[in-house]
Amino acid sequence: QVQLVESGGGLVQPGGSLRLSCAVSGSIFGINAMGWYRQAPGKQRDLVASITRDSSTNYADSVKGRFTISRDNAKNTVYLQMNSLKPEDTAVYYCNAEVVHYNSANPAPLYERNYWGQGTQVTVSS
């Protein structure tokens, strides 16, 4: 059983900052890529930022220069620092992780599964 627990969302004024955290727990051999997605009402879920195990990052054009993704491999945690927030950043933010499991009974004992957090609301409004 793997759980992704997000925290840090809330209401902030335009130009403000928030820091999201997502802690992964459970039966984990390792974690490959981690990322943050967001979904506004009536819209599809889109990638905001992603980070590989060796901390290579990728950002949506709309957040480049304002958001920073980072991770702490020892804590199985990924962060999203969001600065200069705009009303259009309002959405539910979801954490995603590519978790590696180990099962010695399998012919291929290492395998990867994708997991999602429950989502945290970010509202940018004056």
Protein backbone atom coordinates (compact mmCIF):
# COMPACT_ATOMS: atom_id res chain seq x y z
CA GLN A 1 0.00 0.00 0.00
CA VAL A 2 1.38 3.36 -1.05
CA GLN A 3 0.06 6.74 0.05
CA LEU A 4 0.80 10.21 -1.27
CA VAL A 5 -0.15 12.91 1.23
CA GLU A 6 -0.18 16.50 0.03
CA SER A 7 -0.15 19.64 2.13
CA GLY A 8 0.37 23.38 1.80
CA GLY A 9 -2.57 24.51 -0.30
CA GLY A 10 -4.79 27.41 0.61
CA LEU A 11 -5.99 30.89 -0.26
CA VAL A 12 -3.43 33.52 -1.25
CA GLN A 13 -3.57 36.95 -2.80
CA PRO A 14 -2.18 37.59 -6.28
CA GLY A 15 1.58 38.01 -6.11
CA GLY A 16 1.81 35.81 -3.04
CA SER A 17 3.57 32.52 -2.46
CA LEU A 18 2.73 29.01 -1.35
CA ARG A 19 4.78 25.85 -0.86
CA LEU A 20 3.22 22.48 -1.54
CA SER A 21 4.61 19.25 -0.12
CA CYS A 22 3.87 15.64 -1.00
CA ALA A 23 5.17 12.78 1.15
CA VAL A 24 5.16 9.24 -0.23
CA SER A 25 4.88 6.38 2.25
CA GLY A 26 4.30 2.64 2.22
CA SER A 27 5.99 -0.36 0.68
CA ILE A 28 8.53 1.39 -1.54
CA PHE A 29 11.77 0.14 -3.09
CA GLY A 30 12.44 3.49 -4.73
CA ILE A 31 10.85 6.43 -6.54
CA ASN A 32 11.66 7.50 -10.07
CA ALA A 33 10.04 10.65 -11.45
CA MET A 34 7.77 12.80 -9.31
CA GLY A 35 5.57 15.63 -10.42
CA TRP A 36 2.82 18.12 -9.79
CA TYR A 37 -0.28 18.45 -11.93
CA ARG A 38 -3.22 20.80 -11.65
CA GLN A 39 -6.83 20.79 -12.68
CA ALA A 40 -9.06 23.85 -12.83
CA PRO A 41 -12.87 23.51 -12.92
CA GLY A 42 -14.04 22.31 -16.31
CA LYS A 43 -10.51 21.75 -17.58
CA GLN A 44 -8.24 18.75 -18.00
CA ARG A 45 -5.46 17.84 -15.59
CA ASP A 46 -2.18 19.31 -16.85
CA LEU A 47 1.45 18.89 -15.89
CA VAL A 48 2.87 21.78 -13.86
CA ALA A 49 6.36 20.48 -13.14
CA SER A 50 8.25 17.22 -12.91
CA ILE A 51 11.56 16.09 -11.45
CA THR A 52 13.60 12.96 -12.07
CA ARG A 53 15.41 10.95 -9.42
CA ASP A 54 18.63 12.84 -10.18
CA SER A 55 16.73 16.16 -9.98
CA SER A 56 16.43 17.06 -13.65
CA THR A 57 13.37 19.30 -13.91
CA ASN A 58 10.71 20.19 -16.43
CA TYR A 59 8.13 22.99 -16.22
CA ALA A 60 5.00 24.08 -18.02
CA ASP A 61 5.63 27.32 -19.90
CA SER A 62 2.98 29.09 -17.83
CA VAL A 63 4.92 28.60 -14.57
CA LYS A 64 8.55 28.90 -15.71
CA GLY A 65 10.43 31.44 -13.62
CA ARG A 66 7.73 31.46 -10.91
CA PHE A 67 7.52 27.85 -9.65
CA THR A 68 10.33 25.60 -8.46
CA ILE A 69 10.06 21.85 -7.98
CA SER A 70 12.47 19.99 -5.70
CA ARG A 71 12.69 16.67 -3.89
CA ASP A 72 14.24 15.08 -0.84
CA ASN A 73 14.97 11.45 -1.71
CA ALA A 74 15.74 10.56 1.91
CA LYS A 75 12.25 11.68 2.92
CA ASN A 76 10.45 10.46 -0.24
CA THR A 77 9.02 13.97 -0.53
CA VAL A 78 8.53 16.37 -3.41
CA TYR A 79 7.95 20.10 -3.05
CA LEU A 80 6.53 22.85 -5.23
CA GLN A 81 7.50 26.41 -4.35
CA MET A 82 5.03 28.75 -6.03
CA ASN A 83 5.88 32.46 -6.21
CA SER A 84 4.23 35.42 -7.95
CA LEU A 85 0.94 33.56 -7.97
CA LYS A 86 -1.77 34.63 -10.40
CA PRO A 87 -5.52 34.04 -10.36
CA GLU A 88 -5.08 31.67 -13.30
CA ASP A 89 -3.00 29.41 -11.04
CA THR A 90 -6.17 28.58 -9.12
CA ALA A 91 -6.75 24.83 -9.32
CA VAL A 92 -6.58 21.57 -7.44
CA TYR A 93 -2.95 20.49 -7.40
CA TYR A 94 -2.14 16.78 -7.52
CA CYS A 95 1.10 15.03 -6.67
CA ASN A 96 2.24 12.12 -8.83
CA ALA A 97 4.98 9.56 -8.24
CA GLU A 98 6.45 6.67 -10.21
CA VAL A 99 7.07 4.19 -7.41
CA VAL A 100 9.37 1.19 -7.81
CA HIS A 101 8.34 -1.98 -6.00
CA TYR A 102 10.29 -5.18 -5.37
CA ASN A 103 8.74 -8.62 -5.30
CA SER A 104 11.20 -11.52 -5.25
CA ALA A 105 8.45 -13.93 -6.29
CA ASN A 106 8.12 -12.22 -9.68
CA PRO A 107 10.28 -13.20 -12.69
CA ALA A 108 10.99 -9.49 -13.02
CA PRO A 109 11.18 -8.53 -9.33
CA LEU A 110 11.47 -4.79 -9.87
CA TYR A 111 8.42 -3.07 -11.32
CA GLU A 112 7.01 0.45 -11.42
CA ARG A 113 3.53 1.75 -10.63
CA ASN A 114 2.12 5.25 -10.90
CA TYR A 115 0.34 6.84 -7.94
CA TRP A 116 -1.65 10.03 -7.33
CA GLY A 117 -2.29 12.12 -4.25
CA GLN A 118 -5.74 13.23 -3.19
CA GLY A 119 -5.24 16.81 -4.34
CA THR A 120 -4.91 20.12 -2.54
CA GLN A 121 -6.80 23.28 -3.42
CA VAL A 122 -4.87 26.42 -4.34
CA THR A 123 -6.93 29.58 -4.72
CA VAL A 124 -5.39 32.86 -5.82
CA SER A 125 -7.78 35.73 -5.24
CA SER A 126 -7.93 39.19 -3.76
